[in-house]
C-alpha atoms as a PDB file:
ATOM      1  CA  MET A   1    -119.792  70.011  11.892  1.00  0.00           C
ATOM      2  CA  GLU A   2    -119.817  71.687   8.907  1.00  0.00           C
ATOM      3  CA  GLY A   3    -119.815  75.827   8.810  1.00  0.00           C
ATOM      4  CA  TRP A   4    -123.768  75.925   7.851  1.00  0.00           C
ATOM      5  CA  ALA A   5    -125.050  73.444  10.416  1.00  0.00           C
ATOM      6  CA  ARG A   6    -122.813  75.434  13.385  1.00  0.00           C
ATOM      7  CA  GLU A   7    -124.440  78.718  12.134  1.00  0.00           C
ATOM      8  CA  TRP A   8    -127.758  77.379  12.252  1.00  0.00           C
ATOM      9  CA  LEU A   9    -127.135  75.810  15.917  1.00  0.00           C
ATOM     10  CA  LEU A  10    -125.582  79.424  17.068  1.00  0.00           C
ATOM     11  CA  ALA A  11    -128.870  81.338  15.655  1.00  0.00           C
ATOM     12  CA  GLN A  12    -130.821  78.746  17.347  1.00  0.00           C
ATOM     13  CA  ARG A  13    -129.164  79.199  20.572  1.00  0.00           C
ATOM     14  CA  ALA A  14    -129.205  83.172  20.202  1.00  0.00           C
ATOM     15  CA  ARG A  15    -133.007  82.754  19.806  1.00  0.00           C
ATOM     16  CA  GLY A  16    -133.139  81.486  23.053  1.00  0.00           C
ATOM     17  CA  GLU A  17    -133.677  77.306  22.350  1.00  0.00           C
ATOM     18  CA  LYS A  18    -132.400  75.156  24.908  1.00  0.00           C
ATOM     19  CA  GLY A  19    -131.003  71.623  24.819  1.00  0.00           C
ATOM     20  CA  LEU A  20    -130.137  71.525  20.721  1.00  0.00           C
ATOM     21  CA  GLU A  21    -127.541  69.250  20.020  1.00  0.00           C
ATOM     22  CA  VAL A  22    -126.587  68.533  15.864  1.00  0.00           C
ATOM     23  CA  LYS A  23    -124.977  64.999  15.222  1.00  0.00           C
ATOM     24  CA  LYS A  24    -123.584  63.831  11.941  1.00  0.00           C
ATOM     25  CA  LEU A  25    -124.568  60.677  11.007  1.00  0.00           C
ATOM     26  CA  ASN A  26    -124.100  58.860   7.412  1.00  0.00           C
ATOM     27  CA  ASN A  27    -123.622  62.505   5.820  1.00  0.00           C
ATOM     28  CA  SER A  28    -126.718  63.664   7.038  1.00  0.00           C
ATOM     29  CA  PHE A  29    -127.486  66.176  10.112  1.00  0.00           C
ATOM     30  CA  TYR A  30    -130.001  65.258  12.750  1.00  0.00           C
ATOM     31  CA  VAL A  31    -131.033  67.826  15.280  1.00  0.00           C
ATOM     32  CA  TYR A  32    -131.890  66.320  18.966  1.00  0.00           C
ATOM     33  CA  TRP A  33    -133.289  67.892  22.202  1.00  0.00           C
ATOM     34  CA  SER A  34    -134.714  66.666  25.119  1.00  0.00           C
ATOM     35  CA  THR A  35    -138.326  67.087  24.613  1.00  0.00           C
ATOM     36  CA  THR A  36    -140.824  64.346  24.914  1.00  0.00           C
ATOM     37  CA  ILE A  37    -144.613  64.331  24.661  1.00  0.00           C
ATOM     38  CA  TRP A  38    -147.411  62.511  26.884  1.00  0.00           C
ATOM     39  CA  LEU A  39    -149.609  59.941  24.342  1.00  0.00           C
ATOM     40  CA  LYS A  40    -152.732  59.741  26.570  1.00  0.00           C
ATOM     41  CA  ASP A  41    -154.264  57.024  24.530  1.00  0.00           C
ATOM     42  CA  GLU A  42    -151.079  55.105  25.148  1.00  0.00           C
ATOM     43  CA  ARG A  43    -150.405  56.444  28.603  1.00  0.00           C
ATOM     44  CA  ARG A  44    -146.853  56.528  27.625  1.00  0.00           C
ATOM     45  CA  ARG A  45    -143.879  59.293  26.967  1.00  0.00           C
ATOM     46  CA  LYS A  46    -142.415  59.885  23.118  1.00  0.00           C
ATOM     47  CA  LYS A  47    -139.147  61.408  22.305  1.00  0.00           C
ATOM     48  CA  VAL A  48    -139.490  64.030  19.648  1.00  0.00           C
ATOM     49  CA  SER A  49    -136.434  64.340  17.080  1.00  0.00           C
ATOM     50  CA  THR A  50    -136.328  66.593  14.386  1.00  0.00           C
ATOM     51  CA  TYR A  51    -134.071  66.092  11.100  1.00  0.00           C
ATOM     52  CA  LEU A  52    -131.902  69.155   9.733  1.00  0.00           C
ATOM     53  CA  ASP A  53    -131.666  69.573   6.089  1.00  0.00           C
ATOM     54  CA  PRO A  54    -129.616  72.292   4.497  1.00  0.00           C
ATOM     55  CA  GLU A  55    -132.187  72.864   1.824  1.00  0.00           C
ATOM     56  CA  LEU A  56    -135.367  72.497   3.446  1.00  0.00           C
ATOM     57  CA  GLY A  57    -134.531  73.560   7.163  1.00  0.00           C
ATOM     58  CA  LEU A  58    -136.248  71.378   9.881  1.00  0.00           C
ATOM     59  CA  VAL A  59    -138.363  68.126   9.030  1.00  0.00           C
ATOM     60  CA  GLU A  60    -140.036  66.109  11.261  1.00  0.00           C
ATOM     61  CA  GLY A  61    -138.231  62.472  11.563  1.00  0.00           C
ATOM     62  CA  GLU A  62    -139.997  59.292  11.694  1.00  0.00           C
ATOM     63  CA  LYS A  63    -138.550  55.915  12.040  1.00  0.00           C
ATOM     64  CA  HIS A  64    -139.160  53.404   9.449  1.00  0.00           C
ATOM     65  CA  PHE A  65    -137.914  49.913  10.021  1.00  0.00           C
ATOM     66  CA  GLU A  66    -139.064  46.991   8.078  1.00  0.00           C
ATOM     67  CA  ARG A  67    -138.759  43.472   9.278  1.00  0.00           C
ATOM     68  CA  VAL A  68    -136.768  41.275   7.068  1.00  0.00           C
ATOM     69  CA  ARG A  69    -136.748  37.382   7.198  1.00  0.00           C
ATOM     70  CA  VAL A  70    -133.325  36.073   5.928  1.00  0.00           C
ATOM     71  CA  THR A  71    -133.672  32.891   4.168  1.00  0.00           C
ATOM     72  CA  SER A  72    -130.240  32.475   3.061  1.00  0.00           C
ATOM     73  CA  ILE A  73    -127.058  34.209   3.008  1.00  0.00           C
ATOM     74  CA  LYS A  74    -124.509  34.171   0.134  1.00  0.00           C
ATOM     75  CA  GLU A  75    -121.025  34.841   0.725  1.00  0.00           C
ATOM     76  CA  GLN A  76    -118.505  35.999  -1.938  1.00  0.00           C
ATOM     77  CA  GLY A  77    -115.629  37.075   0.170  1.00  0.00           C
ATOM     78  CA  ASN A  78    -113.969  33.782   0.595  1.00  0.00           C
ATOM     79  CA  ALA A  79    -114.433  32.832  -2.841  1.00  0.00           C
ATOM     80  CA  LEU A  80    -112.671  36.301  -4.124  1.00  0.00           C
ATOM     81  CA  LEU A  81    -110.071  35.850  -1.234  1.00  0.00           C
ATOM     82  CA  LEU A  82    -108.945  32.632  -2.842  1.00  0.00           C
ATOM     83  CA  ASP A  83    -109.146  34.025  -6.385  1.00  0.00           C
ATOM     84  CA  ARG A  84    -106.714  36.848  -4.928  1.00  0.00           C
ATOM     85  CA  LEU A  85    -104.342  34.555  -3.538  1.00  0.00           C
ATOM     86  CA  PHE A  86    -104.201  32.003  -6.603  1.00  0.00           C
ATOM     87  CA  GLU A  87    -103.180  35.010  -8.778  1.00  0.00           C
ATOM     88  CA  ASN A  88     -99.577  34.393  -8.227  1.00  0.00           C
ATOM     89  CA  ILE A  89     -99.696  30.561  -8.903  1.00  0.00           C
ATOM     90  CA  ARG A  90    -102.364  30.713 -11.787  1.00  0.00           C
ATOM     91  CA  PRO A  91     -99.210  30.864 -14.641  1.00  0.00           C
ATOM     92  CA  ASN A  92     -97.650  27.563 -13.036  1.00  0.00           C
ATOM     93  CA  LEU A  93    -101.001  25.878 -12.937  1.00  0.00           C
ATOM     94  CA  GLU A  94    -101.712  26.803 -16.692  1.00  0.00           C
ATOM     95  CA  GLU A  95     -98.404  25.524 -17.377  1.00  0.00           C
ATOM     96  CA  GLY A  96     -98.275  22.206 -15.200  1.00  0.00           C
ATOM     97  CA  SER A  97    -101.942  21.254 -16.313  1.00  0.00           C
ATOM     98  CA  PRO A  98    -103.295  23.171 -19.474  1.00  0.00           C
ATOM     99  CA  SER A  99    -106.527  21.248 -19.792  1.00  0.00           C
ATOM    100  CA  TYR A 100    -107.508  20.876 -15.790  1.00  0.00           C
ATOM    101  CA  TRP A 101    -106.445  23.888 -14.451  1.00  0.00           C
ATOM    102  CA  ARG A 102    -109.701  26.019 -14.140  1.00  0.00           C
ATOM    103  CA  CYS A 103    -111.664  22.684 -12.711  1.00  0.00           C
END
């Protein structure tokens, strides 16, 4: 954990805040605590999480997921692997069949 995040967490604990936890995910720090709210209309609980930004401080987090329908998969890894493997024999192919080696 970076220094500024640890200092922030220790300051919050000194103020009496309980249950805070700082996690680093993808170069961003997230603050979690065990707080839930009751959604009366939906008759269920909802977990509340808060995102910690070094410049903005605490920012309310929302989950945004878009559904994506995959229609095709294009794979380039196998072609790249073959290209790398043929680097050593390419000069021999050029010399042995100069007009057909690229086919």
